[in-house]
């Protein structure tokens, strides 16, 4: 029988980084997301993972940029309010289907299992770190602008990462 683990949002984050003007990186995060794991045992071998991110929770600490990212030129948050992920395999990496803008593509993310521990209130928690890269154009995020000196405003490659903590359900 599988054990369910629910995300502890107070101790979790999902971040991204993209090259801007080919000279520096802009970082951002999503502030509203859920995830759960169903696992046969505490090794998490071949566990099933699902996650849902609210696209309008994107934050880059710049209101104008955030509004542009929420527009139809990028995430189109009105038409596509969520990003979803469903794993198909989990070991030292997680393989799964990522859906952004209604487009689903397979992705592979490196995963580091941090271990299991019990907090002072008796909750059993498990921690994971993940990182990977996606091509934003694969998901219909194709807006860009050419730069006068050559190159483009926003790179196609987006680095994604997360620190996730889960609580074991009784």
C-alpha atoms as a PDB file:
ATOM      1  CA  UNK A   1       0.000   0.000   0.000  1.00  0.00           C
ATOM      2  CA  UNK A   2       1.382   3.370  -1.043  1.00  0.00           C
ATOM      3  CA  UNK A   3       2.065   6.132   1.462  1.00  0.00           C
ATOM      4  CA  UNK A   4       1.064   9.658   0.560  1.00  0.00           C
ATOM      5  CA  UNK A   5       3.399  12.600   1.199  1.00  0.00           C
ATOM      6  CA  UNK A   6       2.011  16.160   0.893  1.00  0.00           C
ATOM      7  CA  UNK A   7       4.082  19.238   0.154  1.00  0.00           C
ATOM      8  CA  UNK A   8       5.021  21.475   3.069  1.00  0.00           C
ATOM      9  CA  UNK A   9       4.699  24.842   1.278  1.00  0.00           C
ATOM     10  CA  UNK A  10       6.294  26.817   4.132  1.00  0.00           C
ATOM     11  CA  UNK A  11       9.561  24.930   3.539  1.00  0.00           C
ATOM     12  CA  UNK A  12       9.506  24.593  -0.254  1.00  0.00           C
ATOM     13  CA  UNK A  13      10.350  26.721  -3.281  1.00  0.00           C
ATOM     14  CA  UNK A  14      10.368  26.508  -7.072  1.00  0.00           C
ATOM     15  CA  UNK A  15      12.705  28.892  -8.864  1.00  0.00           C
ATOM     16  CA  UNK A  16      13.873  29.645 -12.387  1.00  0.00           C
ATOM     17  CA  UNK A  17      16.688  31.546 -14.023  1.00  0.00           C
ATOM     18  CA  UNK A  18      16.917  32.868 -17.592  1.00  0.00           C
ATOM     19  CA  UNK A  19      19.647  34.791 -19.404  1.00  0.00           C
ATOM     20  CA  UNK A  20      18.648  38.414 -20.113  1.00  0.00           C
ATOM     21  CA  UNK A  21      20.245  40.382 -22.968  1.00  0.00           C
ATOM     22  CA  UNK A  22      22.859  37.613 -23.157  1.00  0.00           C
ATOM     23  CA  UNK A  23      24.819  39.256 -20.312  1.00  0.00           C
ATOM     24  CA  UNK A  24      23.157  38.403 -16.990  1.00  0.00           C
ATOM     25  CA  UNK A  25      20.616  36.105 -15.373  1.00  0.00           C
ATOM     26  CA  UNK A  26      17.188  37.085 -14.109  1.00  0.00           C
ATOM     27  CA  UNK A  27      15.801  34.932 -11.312  1.00  0.00           C
ATOM     28  CA  UNK A  28      12.217  34.332 -10.392  1.00  0.00           C
ATOM     29  CA  UNK A  29       9.961  31.973  -8.535  1.00  0.00           C
ATOM     30  CA  UNK A  30       6.410  30.745  -8.217  1.00  0.00           C
ATOM     31  CA  UNK A  31       4.770  31.426  -4.857  1.00  0.00           C
ATOM     32  CA  UNK A  32       1.667  29.214  -5.155  1.00  0.00           C
ATOM     33  CA  UNK A  33       2.103  25.514  -5.879  1.00  0.00           C
ATOM     34  CA  UNK A  34       1.168  22.083  -4.550  1.00  0.00           C
ATOM     35  CA  UNK A  35       2.754  18.663  -4.901  1.00  0.00           C
ATOM     36  CA  UNK A  36       2.374  15.158  -3.570  1.00  0.00           C
ATOM     37  CA  UNK A  37       4.245  11.900  -3.694  1.00  0.00           C
ATOM     38  CA  UNK A  38       2.863   8.375  -3.469  1.00  0.00           C
ATOM     39  CA  UNK A  39       5.568   5.909  -2.475  1.00  0.00           C
ATOM     40  CA  UNK A  40       5.653   2.225  -1.607  1.00  0.00           C
ATOM     41  CA  UNK A  41       8.412   2.775   0.975  1.00  0.00           C
ATOM     42  CA  UNK A  42      10.800   5.373   2.388  1.00  0.00           C
ATOM     43  CA  UNK A  43      13.343   4.838  -0.412  1.00  0.00           C
ATOM     44  CA  UNK A  44      10.930   6.564  -2.833  1.00  0.00           C
ATOM     45  CA  UNK A  45      12.068   4.179  -5.599  1.00  0.00           C
ATOM     46  CA  UNK A  46       9.617   4.525  -8.484  1.00  0.00           C
ATOM     47  CA  UNK A  47       7.355   6.830  -6.480  1.00  0.00           C
ATOM     48  CA  UNK A  48       4.648   8.767  -8.299  1.00  0.00           C
ATOM     49  CA  UNK A  49       4.944  12.556  -8.093  1.00  0.00           C
ATOM     50  CA  UNK A  50       2.463  15.222  -9.161  1.00  0.00           C
ATOM     51  CA  UNK A  51       2.724  18.986  -8.928  1.00  0.00           C
ATOM     52  CA  UNK A  52       0.579  21.972  -9.880  1.00  0.00           C
ATOM     53  CA  UNK A  53       1.870  25.545 -10.115  1.00  0.00           C
ATOM     54  CA  UNK A  54      -0.437  28.572 -10.342  1.00  0.00           C
ATOM     55  CA  UNK A  55       1.030  30.573 -13.236  1.00  0.00           C
ATOM     56  CA  UNK A  56      -0.215  33.917 -11.937  1.00  0.00           C
ATOM     57  CA  UNK A  57       1.976  33.429  -8.851  1.00  0.00           C
ATOM     58  CA  UNK A  58       5.115  34.130 -10.905  1.00  0.00           C
ATOM     59  CA  UNK A  59       7.388  36.665  -9.230  1.00  0.00           C
ATOM     60  CA  UNK A  60      10.607  38.274 -10.426  1.00  0.00           C
ATOM     61  CA  UNK A  61      10.458  41.233  -8.012  1.00  0.00           C
ATOM     62  CA  UNK A  62       9.463  43.530 -10.888  1.00  0.00           C
ATOM     63  CA  UNK A  63       5.746  44.242 -11.409  1.00  0.00           C
ATOM     64  CA  UNK A  64       6.064  45.269 -15.074  1.00  0.00           C
ATOM     65  CA  UNK A  65       8.082  42.146 -15.945  1.00  0.00           C
ATOM     66  CA  UNK A  66       5.721  39.925 -13.946  1.00  0.00           C
ATOM     67  CA  UNK A  67       2.720  41.364 -15.796  1.00  0.00           C
ATOM     68  CA  UNK A  68       4.468  40.754 -19.132  1.00  0.00           C
ATOM     69  CA  UNK A  69       5.198  37.144 -18.123  1.00  0.00           C
ATOM     70  CA  UNK A  70       1.513  36.677 -17.204  1.00  0.00           C
ATOM     71  CA  UNK A  71       0.380  38.048 -20.588  1.00  0.00           C
ATOM     72  CA  UNK A  72      -0.439  36.102 -23.760  1.00  0.00           C
ATOM     73  CA  UNK A  73       3.149  36.702 -24.950  1.00  0.00           C
ATOM     74  CA  UNK A  74       4.383  34.258 -22.287  1.00  0.00           C
ATOM     75  CA  UNK A  75       2.318  32.202 -19.806  1.00  0.00           C
ATOM     76  CA  UNK A  76      -1.120  33.512 -20.817  1.00  0.00           C
ATOM     77  CA  UNK A  77      -2.327  32.980 -17.252  1.00  0.00           C
ATOM     78  CA  UNK A  78      -5.989  33.622 -18.086  1.00  0.00           C
ATOM     79  CA  UNK A  79      -6.113  30.775 -20.623  1.00  0.00           C
ATOM     80  CA  UNK A  80      -3.568  28.543 -18.844  1.00  0.00           C
ATOM     81  CA  UNK A  81      -3.817  29.108 -15.091  1.00  0.00           C
ATOM     82  CA  UNK A  82      -1.604  26.154 -14.146  1.00  0.00           C
ATOM     83  CA  UNK A  83       1.644  24.403 -14.958  1.00  0.00           C
ATOM     84  CA  UNK A  84       1.505  20.690 -14.164  1.00  0.00           C
ATOM     85  CA  UNK A  85       4.047  17.923 -13.744  1.00  0.00           C
ATOM     86  CA  UNK A  86       3.440  14.181 -13.480  1.00  0.00           C
ATOM     87  CA  UNK A  87       6.365  11.827 -12.985  1.00  0.00           C
ATOM     88  CA  UNK A  88       6.808   8.655 -14.974  1.00  0.00           C
ATOM     89  CA  UNK A  89       9.971   7.460 -13.154  1.00  0.00           C
ATOM     90  CA  UNK A  90      11.909   8.483 -10.039  1.00  0.00           C
ATOM     91  CA  UNK A  91      15.397   7.405  -9.026  1.00  0.00           C
ATOM     92  CA  UNK A  92      18.427   9.752  -9.003  1.00  0.00           C
ATOM     93  CA  UNK A  93      16.475  11.767 -11.516  1.00  0.00           C
ATOM     94  CA  UNK A  94      12.817  12.282 -12.113  1.00  0.00           C
ATOM     95  CA  UNK A  95      11.361  11.773 -15.558  1.00  0.00           C
ATOM     96  CA  UNK A  96       7.926  13.109 -16.260  1.00  0.00           C
ATOM     97  CA  UNK A  97       5.518  15.121 -18.332  1.00  0.00           C
ATOM     98  CA  UNK A  98       5.580  18.888 -17.909  1.00  0.00           C
ATOM     99  CA  UNK A  99       2.624  20.915 -19.200  1.00  0.00           C
ATOM    100  CA  UNK A 100       3.004  24.659 -19.795  1.00  0.00           C
ATOM    101  CA  UNK A 101       0.580  26.696 -21.936  1.00  0.00           C
ATOM    102  CA  UNK A 102      -1.373  23.528 -22.669  1.00  0.00           C
ATOM    103  CA  UNK A 103       1.705  21.910 -24.263  1.00  0.00           C
ATOM    104  CA  UNK A 104       3.001  18.698 -22.683  1.00  0.00           C
ATOM    105  CA  UNK A 105       6.614  17.598 -23.148  1.00  0.00           C
ATOM    106  CA  UNK A 106       8.776  15.002 -21.398  1.00  0.00           C
ATOM    107  CA  UNK A 107      11.479  16.370 -19.093  1.00  0.00           C
ATOM    108  CA  UNK A 108      14.259  14.892 -16.997  1.00  0.00           C
ATOM    109  CA  UNK A 109      15.317  16.622 -13.779  1.00  0.00           C
ATOM    110  CA  UNK A 110      18.235  15.761 -11.516  1.00  0.00           C
ATOM    111  CA  UNK A 111      17.029  14.931  -7.999  1.00  0.00           C
ATOM    112  CA  UNK A 112      18.878  14.827  -4.700  1.00  0.00           C
ATOM    113  CA  UNK A 113      17.054  13.043  -1.882  1.00  0.00           C
ATOM    114  CA  UNK A 114      18.010  14.902   1.295  1.00  0.00           C
ATOM    115  CA  UNK A 115      16.633  12.258   3.630  1.00  0.00           C
ATOM    116  CA  UNK A 116      13.889  11.814   6.184  1.00  0.00           C
ATOM    117  CA  UNK A 117      13.624  13.347   9.634  1.00  0.00           C
ATOM    118  CA  UNK A 118      10.999  13.973  12.308  1.00  0.00           C
ATOM    119  CA  UNK A 119      10.264  17.569  13.314  1.00  0.00           C
ATOM    120  CA  UNK A 120       9.706  18.671  16.950  1.00  0.00           C
ATOM    121  CA  UNK A 121       5.931  18.190  16.524  1.00  0.00           C
ATOM    122  CA  UNK A 122       6.206  14.546  15.468  1.00  0.00           C
ATOM    123  CA  UNK A 123       5.739  15.065  11.713  1.00  0.00           C
ATOM    124  CA  UNK A 124       7.839  12.833   9.476  1.00  0.00           C
ATOM    125  CA  UNK A 125       9.311  14.885   6.649  1.00  0.00           C
ATOM    126  CA  UNK A 126      11.281  14.117   3.505  1.00  0.00           C
ATOM    127  CA  UNK A 127      13.386  16.598   1.568  1.00  0.00           C
ATOM    128  CA  UNK A 128      14.284  16.754  -2.101  1.00  0.00           C
ATOM    129  CA  UNK A 129      16.230  19.163  -4.309  1.00  0.00           C
ATOM    130  CA  UNK A 130      15.818  19.203  -8.064  1.00  0.00           C
ATOM    131  CA  UNK A 131      17.279  21.058 -11.015  1.00  0.00           C
ATOM    132  CA  UNK A 132      17.125  20.922 -14.768  1.00  0.00           C
ATOM    133  CA  UNK A 133      16.777  22.870 -17.971  1.00  0.00           C
ATOM    134  CA  UNK A 134      13.962  23.328 -20.440  1.00  0.00           C
ATOM    135  CA  UNK A 135      13.657  25.165 -23.733  1.00  0.00           C
ATOM    136  CA  UNK A 136      10.884  27.707 -23.251  1.00  0.00           C
ATOM    137  CA  UNK A 137      10.010  27.675 -26.973  1.00  0.00           C
ATOM    138  CA  UNK A 138       9.055  23.993 -26.642  1.00  0.00           C
ATOM    139  CA  UNK A 139       6.142  25.221 -24.509  1.00  0.00           C
ATOM    140  CA  UNK A 140       5.032  28.110 -26.697  1.00  0.00           C
ATOM    141  CA  UNK A 141       6.905  30.767 -24.712  1.00  0.00           C
ATOM    142  CA  UNK A 142       8.441  32.264 -27.829  1.00  0.00           C
ATOM    143  CA  UNK A 143       8.317  36.057 -27.363  1.00  0.00           C
ATOM    144  CA  UNK A 144      11.678  37.712 -27.898  1.00  0.00           C
ATOM    145  CA  UNK A 145      13.308  40.860 -29.209  1.00  0.00           C
ATOM    146  CA  UNK A 146      16.482  41.195 -31.272  1.00  0.00           C
ATOM    147  CA  UNK A 147      19.250  43.304 -29.769  1.00  0.00           C
ATOM    148  CA  UNK A 148      20.981  46.013 -31.770  1.00  0.00           C
ATOM    149  CA  UNK A 149      24.430  44.573 -31.009  1.00  0.00           C
ATOM    150  CA  UNK A 150      23.287  41.052 -31.910  1.00  0.00           C
ATOM    151  CA  UNK A 151      21.636  38.331 -29.909  1.00  0.00           C
ATOM    152  CA  UNK A 152      18.246  38.356 -28.257  1.00  0.00           C
ATOM    153  CA  UNK A 153      16.564  39.776 -25.159  1.00  0.00           C
ATOM    154  CA  UNK A 154      15.687  36.434 -23.510  1.00  0.00           C
ATOM    155  CA  UNK A 155      17.479  33.096 -23.873  1.00  0.00           C
ATOM    156  CA  UNK A 156      15.565  30.007 -24.953  1.00  0.00           C
ATOM    157  CA  UNK A 157      17.090  27.936 -22.131  1.00  0.00           C
ATOM    158  CA  UNK A 158      15.461  28.248 -18.724  1.00  0.00           C
ATOM    159  CA  UNK A 159      17.086  26.704 -15.669  1.00  0.00           C
ATOM    160  CA  UNK A 160      14.564  25.420 -13.147  1.00  0.00           C
ATOM    161  CA  UNK A 161      15.207  24.297  -9.578  1.00  0.00           C
ATOM    162  CA  UNK A 162      13.380  23.488  -6.406  1.00  0.00           C
ATOM    163  CA  UNK A 163      13.754  22.709  -2.744  1.00  0.00           C
ATOM    164  CA  UNK A 164      10.801  20.613  -1.661  1.00  0.00           C
ATOM    165  CA  UNK A 165       9.844  19.277   1.738  1.00  0.00           C
ATOM    166  CA  UNK A 166       7.023  16.746   2.126  1.00  0.00           C
ATOM    167  CA  UNK A 167       5.036  15.600   5.164  1.00  0.00           C
ATOM    168  CA  UNK A 168       4.188  11.910   5.515  1.00  0.00           C
ATOM    169  CA  UNK A 169       0.445  11.345   5.840  1.00  0.00           C
ATOM    170  CA  UNK A 170      -0.887   8.918   8.451  1.00  0.00           C
END
